[in-house]
N, C-alpha and C. Protein backbone atom coordinates (compact mmCIF):
# COMPACT_ATOMS: atom_id res chain seq x y z
N MET A 1 -5.20 18.11 -2.44
CA MET A 1 -4.96 17.14 -3.48
C MET A 1 -5.02 15.71 -2.92
N LEU A 2 -4.60 15.52 -1.68
CA LEU A 2 -4.64 14.18 -1.09
C LEU A 2 -6.05 13.63 -1.00
N SER A 3 -7.04 14.50 -0.93
CA SER A 3 -8.43 14.04 -0.83
C SER A 3 -8.89 13.31 -2.09
N ARG A 4 -8.16 13.43 -3.18
CA ARG A 4 -8.50 12.73 -4.43
C ARG A 4 -8.25 11.23 -4.34
N MET A 5 -7.50 10.78 -3.33
CA MET A 5 -7.15 9.36 -3.22
C MET A 5 -8.39 8.47 -3.20
N LYS A 6 -9.46 8.96 -2.65
CA LYS A 6 -10.68 8.13 -2.53
C LYS A 6 -11.37 7.93 -3.87
N TYR A 7 -11.01 8.70 -4.88
CA TYR A 7 -11.64 8.58 -6.19
C TYR A 7 -10.84 7.72 -7.17
N ILE A 8 -9.66 7.27 -6.77
CA ILE A 8 -8.80 6.50 -7.67
C ILE A 8 -8.89 5.03 -7.29
N ASN A 9 -9.50 4.24 -8.18
CA ASN A 9 -9.63 2.82 -7.93
C ASN A 9 -8.32 2.11 -8.22
N ARG A 10 -8.06 1.09 -7.43
CA ARG A 10 -6.85 0.29 -7.62
C ARG A 10 -7.09 -0.75 -8.69
N TRP A 11 -6.02 -1.07 -9.39
CA TRP A 11 -6.04 -2.10 -10.41
C TRP A 11 -5.79 -3.43 -9.72
N GLY A 12 -6.78 -4.31 -9.69
CA GLY A 12 -6.65 -5.56 -8.96
C GLY A 12 -6.16 -6.70 -9.83
N LEU A 13 -5.30 -7.54 -9.26
CA LEU A 13 -4.83 -8.72 -9.99
C LEU A 13 -5.81 -9.87 -9.89
N MET A 14 -6.67 -9.84 -8.88
CA MET A 14 -7.60 -10.94 -8.65
C MET A 14 -9.03 -10.42 -8.79
N GLN A 15 -9.95 -11.34 -9.04
CA GLN A 15 -11.36 -10.97 -9.09
C GLN A 15 -11.85 -10.73 -7.66
N ASN A 16 -12.20 -9.53 -7.35
CA ASN A 16 -12.69 -9.17 -6.02
C ASN A 16 -14.17 -8.88 -6.08
N THR A 17 -14.83 -8.98 -4.94
CA THR A 17 -16.26 -8.68 -4.89
C THR A 17 -16.52 -7.18 -4.91
N ARG A 18 -15.53 -6.39 -4.55
CA ARG A 18 -15.67 -4.94 -4.59
C ARG A 18 -14.32 -4.31 -4.95
N HIS A 19 -14.41 -3.12 -5.51
CA HIS A 19 -13.18 -2.40 -5.87
C HIS A 19 -12.61 -1.72 -4.63
N GLU A 20 -11.32 -1.59 -4.60
CA GLU A 20 -10.62 -0.90 -3.50
C GLU A 20 -10.06 0.39 -4.07
N ASN A 21 -10.23 1.49 -3.34
CA ASN A 21 -9.64 2.73 -3.81
C ASN A 21 -8.27 2.95 -3.16
N LEU A 22 -7.57 3.93 -3.65
CA LEU A 22 -6.21 4.20 -3.20
C LEU A 22 -6.16 4.59 -1.73
N CYS A 23 -7.16 5.30 -1.26
CA CYS A 23 -7.21 5.72 0.14
C CYS A 23 -7.33 4.50 1.07
N GLU A 24 -8.24 3.59 0.73
CA GLU A 24 -8.41 2.37 1.54
C GLU A 24 -7.13 1.56 1.56
N HIS A 25 -6.53 1.39 0.39
CA HIS A 25 -5.29 0.62 0.28
C HIS A 25 -4.18 1.22 1.14
N SER A 26 -4.00 2.51 1.06
CA SER A 26 -2.93 3.16 1.81
C SER A 26 -3.14 3.05 3.32
N LEU A 27 -4.39 3.15 3.76
CA LEU A 27 -4.68 3.01 5.18
C LEU A 27 -4.39 1.58 5.66
N GLU A 28 -4.76 0.59 4.86
CA GLU A 28 -4.49 -0.80 5.23
C GLU A 28 -2.99 -1.07 5.28
N VAL A 29 -2.25 -0.52 4.32
CA VAL A 29 -0.79 -0.67 4.33
C VAL A 29 -0.21 -0.03 5.58
N ALA A 30 -0.72 1.13 5.97
CA ALA A 30 -0.24 1.81 7.19
C ALA A 30 -0.50 0.96 8.43
N PHE A 31 -1.69 0.36 8.53
CA PHE A 31 -2.01 -0.51 9.67
C PHE A 31 -1.05 -1.69 9.74
N ILE A 32 -0.83 -2.33 8.61
CA ILE A 32 0.04 -3.51 8.58
C ILE A 32 1.48 -3.12 8.90
N ALA A 33 1.96 -2.03 8.32
CA ALA A 33 3.32 -1.58 8.59
C ALA A 33 3.52 -1.26 10.06
N HIS A 34 2.55 -0.58 10.67
CA HIS A 34 2.63 -0.24 12.08
C HIS A 34 2.65 -1.51 12.93
N ALA A 35 1.76 -2.45 12.63
CA ALA A 35 1.71 -3.71 13.38
C ALA A 35 3.01 -4.49 13.26
N LEU A 36 3.58 -4.53 12.07
CA LEU A 36 4.85 -5.24 11.90
C LEU A 36 5.98 -4.56 12.66
N GLY A 37 5.96 -3.24 12.71
CA GLY A 37 6.96 -2.52 13.50
C GLY A 37 6.85 -2.83 14.98
N ILE A 38 5.62 -2.86 15.51
CA ILE A 38 5.40 -3.20 16.91
C ILE A 38 5.85 -4.63 17.20
N ILE A 39 5.47 -5.57 16.32
CA ILE A 39 5.88 -6.96 16.49
C ILE A 39 7.40 -7.07 16.49
N ASN A 40 8.04 -6.37 15.56
CA ASN A 40 9.51 -6.40 15.50
C ASN A 40 10.13 -5.90 16.80
N ASN A 41 9.59 -4.83 17.34
CA ASN A 41 10.16 -4.24 18.55
C ASN A 41 9.89 -5.07 19.79
N GLU A 42 8.67 -5.56 19.95
CA GLU A 42 8.30 -6.22 21.19
C GLU A 42 8.67 -7.70 21.23
N ILE A 43 8.60 -8.37 20.11
CA ILE A 43 8.88 -9.80 20.11
C ILE A 43 10.33 -10.09 19.74
N TYR A 44 10.86 -9.35 18.79
CA TYR A 44 12.20 -9.63 18.29
C TYR A 44 13.26 -8.65 18.79
N GLY A 45 12.88 -7.76 19.69
CA GLY A 45 13.85 -6.85 20.29
C GLY A 45 14.39 -5.80 19.34
N GLY A 46 13.63 -5.46 18.32
CA GLY A 46 14.09 -4.47 17.34
C GLY A 46 13.95 -3.05 17.86
N ASN A 47 14.38 -2.12 17.04
CA ASN A 47 14.33 -0.71 17.41
C ASN A 47 13.86 0.11 16.20
N ILE A 48 12.66 -0.22 15.71
CA ILE A 48 12.11 0.47 14.56
C ILE A 48 11.02 1.43 15.02
N ASN A 49 10.96 2.60 14.42
CA ASN A 49 9.93 3.57 14.74
C ASN A 49 8.64 3.17 14.01
N ALA A 50 7.73 2.51 14.73
CA ALA A 50 6.50 1.99 14.13
C ALA A 50 5.61 3.11 13.61
N GLU A 51 5.62 4.26 14.26
CA GLU A 51 4.81 5.39 13.79
C GLU A 51 5.31 5.89 12.44
N ARG A 52 6.62 5.90 12.25
CA ARG A 52 7.19 6.32 10.97
C ARG A 52 6.80 5.33 9.87
N LEU A 53 6.81 4.04 10.20
CA LEU A 53 6.37 3.04 9.23
C LEU A 53 4.93 3.29 8.81
N ALA A 54 4.07 3.64 9.77
CA ALA A 54 2.67 3.92 9.46
C ALA A 54 2.55 5.11 8.51
N ILE A 55 3.31 6.15 8.78
CA ILE A 55 3.28 7.35 7.92
C ILE A 55 3.77 7.00 6.51
N LEU A 56 4.85 6.23 6.43
CA LEU A 56 5.36 5.82 5.11
C LEU A 56 4.32 4.99 4.37
N GLY A 57 3.60 4.14 5.09
CA GLY A 57 2.55 3.34 4.48
C GLY A 57 1.42 4.20 3.94
N MET A 58 1.06 5.24 4.69
CA MET A 58 -0.02 6.13 4.26
C MET A 58 0.32 6.87 2.97
N TYR A 59 1.58 7.24 2.82
CA TYR A 59 1.97 8.07 1.69
C TYR A 59 2.69 7.31 0.57
N HIS A 60 2.79 5.98 0.66
CA HIS A 60 3.63 5.25 -0.30
C HIS A 60 3.11 5.32 -1.73
N ASP A 61 1.83 5.53 -1.95
CA ASP A 61 1.28 5.59 -3.31
C ASP A 61 0.77 6.97 -3.68
N VAL A 62 1.23 8.00 -2.99
CA VAL A 62 0.70 9.35 -3.20
C VAL A 62 0.93 9.85 -4.63
N THR A 63 1.96 9.39 -5.28
CA THR A 63 2.20 9.84 -6.66
C THR A 63 1.10 9.37 -7.60
N GLU A 64 0.38 8.32 -7.20
CA GLU A 64 -0.69 7.81 -8.06
C GLU A 64 -1.91 8.71 -8.07
N ILE A 65 -1.92 9.76 -7.26
CA ILE A 65 -2.98 10.77 -7.35
C ILE A 65 -2.90 11.44 -8.71
N ILE A 66 -1.71 11.61 -9.21
CA ILE A 66 -1.51 12.26 -10.51
C ILE A 66 -1.51 11.24 -11.64
N THR A 67 -0.82 10.11 -11.45
CA THR A 67 -0.67 9.13 -12.53
C THR A 67 -1.82 8.14 -12.62
N GLY A 68 -2.61 8.01 -11.55
CA GLY A 68 -3.58 6.92 -11.48
C GLY A 68 -2.85 5.67 -11.02
N ASP A 69 -3.59 4.62 -10.71
CA ASP A 69 -2.95 3.39 -10.26
C ASP A 69 -2.26 2.73 -11.44
N LEU A 70 -1.01 2.37 -11.25
CA LEU A 70 -0.24 1.74 -12.32
C LEU A 70 -0.21 0.24 -12.09
N PRO A 71 -0.66 -0.55 -13.06
CA PRO A 71 -0.64 -1.99 -12.88
C PRO A 71 0.79 -2.53 -12.80
N THR A 72 0.95 -3.56 -11.98
CA THR A 72 2.27 -4.18 -11.87
C THR A 72 2.52 -5.07 -13.07
N VAL A 73 3.77 -5.32 -13.33
CA VAL A 73 4.14 -6.20 -14.43
C VAL A 73 3.97 -7.64 -13.97
N ASN A 74 3.28 -8.44 -14.75
CA ASN A 74 3.13 -9.85 -14.46
C ASN A 74 4.44 -10.53 -14.82
N SER A 75 5.16 -11.02 -13.82
CA SER A 75 6.51 -11.54 -14.05
C SER A 75 6.50 -12.75 -14.97
N SER A 76 5.49 -13.62 -14.91
CA SER A 76 5.48 -14.80 -15.77
C SER A 76 5.25 -14.39 -17.23
N ALA A 77 4.39 -13.43 -17.47
CA ALA A 77 4.16 -12.94 -18.83
C ALA A 77 5.38 -12.20 -19.34
N HIS A 78 6.03 -11.46 -18.45
CA HIS A 78 7.23 -10.70 -18.84
C HIS A 78 8.36 -11.64 -19.22
N ALA A 79 8.50 -12.75 -18.52
CA ALA A 79 9.58 -13.71 -18.79
C ALA A 79 9.38 -14.38 -20.14
N GLN A 80 8.14 -14.51 -20.61
CA GLN A 80 7.88 -15.19 -21.87
C GLN A 80 8.16 -14.31 -23.07
N SER A 81 8.17 -13.00 -22.89
CA SER A 81 8.35 -12.11 -24.04
C SER A 81 9.80 -11.91 -24.40
């Protein structure tokens, strides 16, 4: 079922030159989370498991395999209603 992630396009807030799918997004989130964990540990003396952060990043949107990508609420539009 996880292999379906590549077929689910993300709902973008900005005009992009290409669409991003859920698989690409999750991998990028995993890279960033891992890098931030390493930076926290090596520069700021933290004690975070960077590998766990990467795994959490990979799976953070897994429910959207079933629901599809859910658009976020635009806070400025929400405040006006």
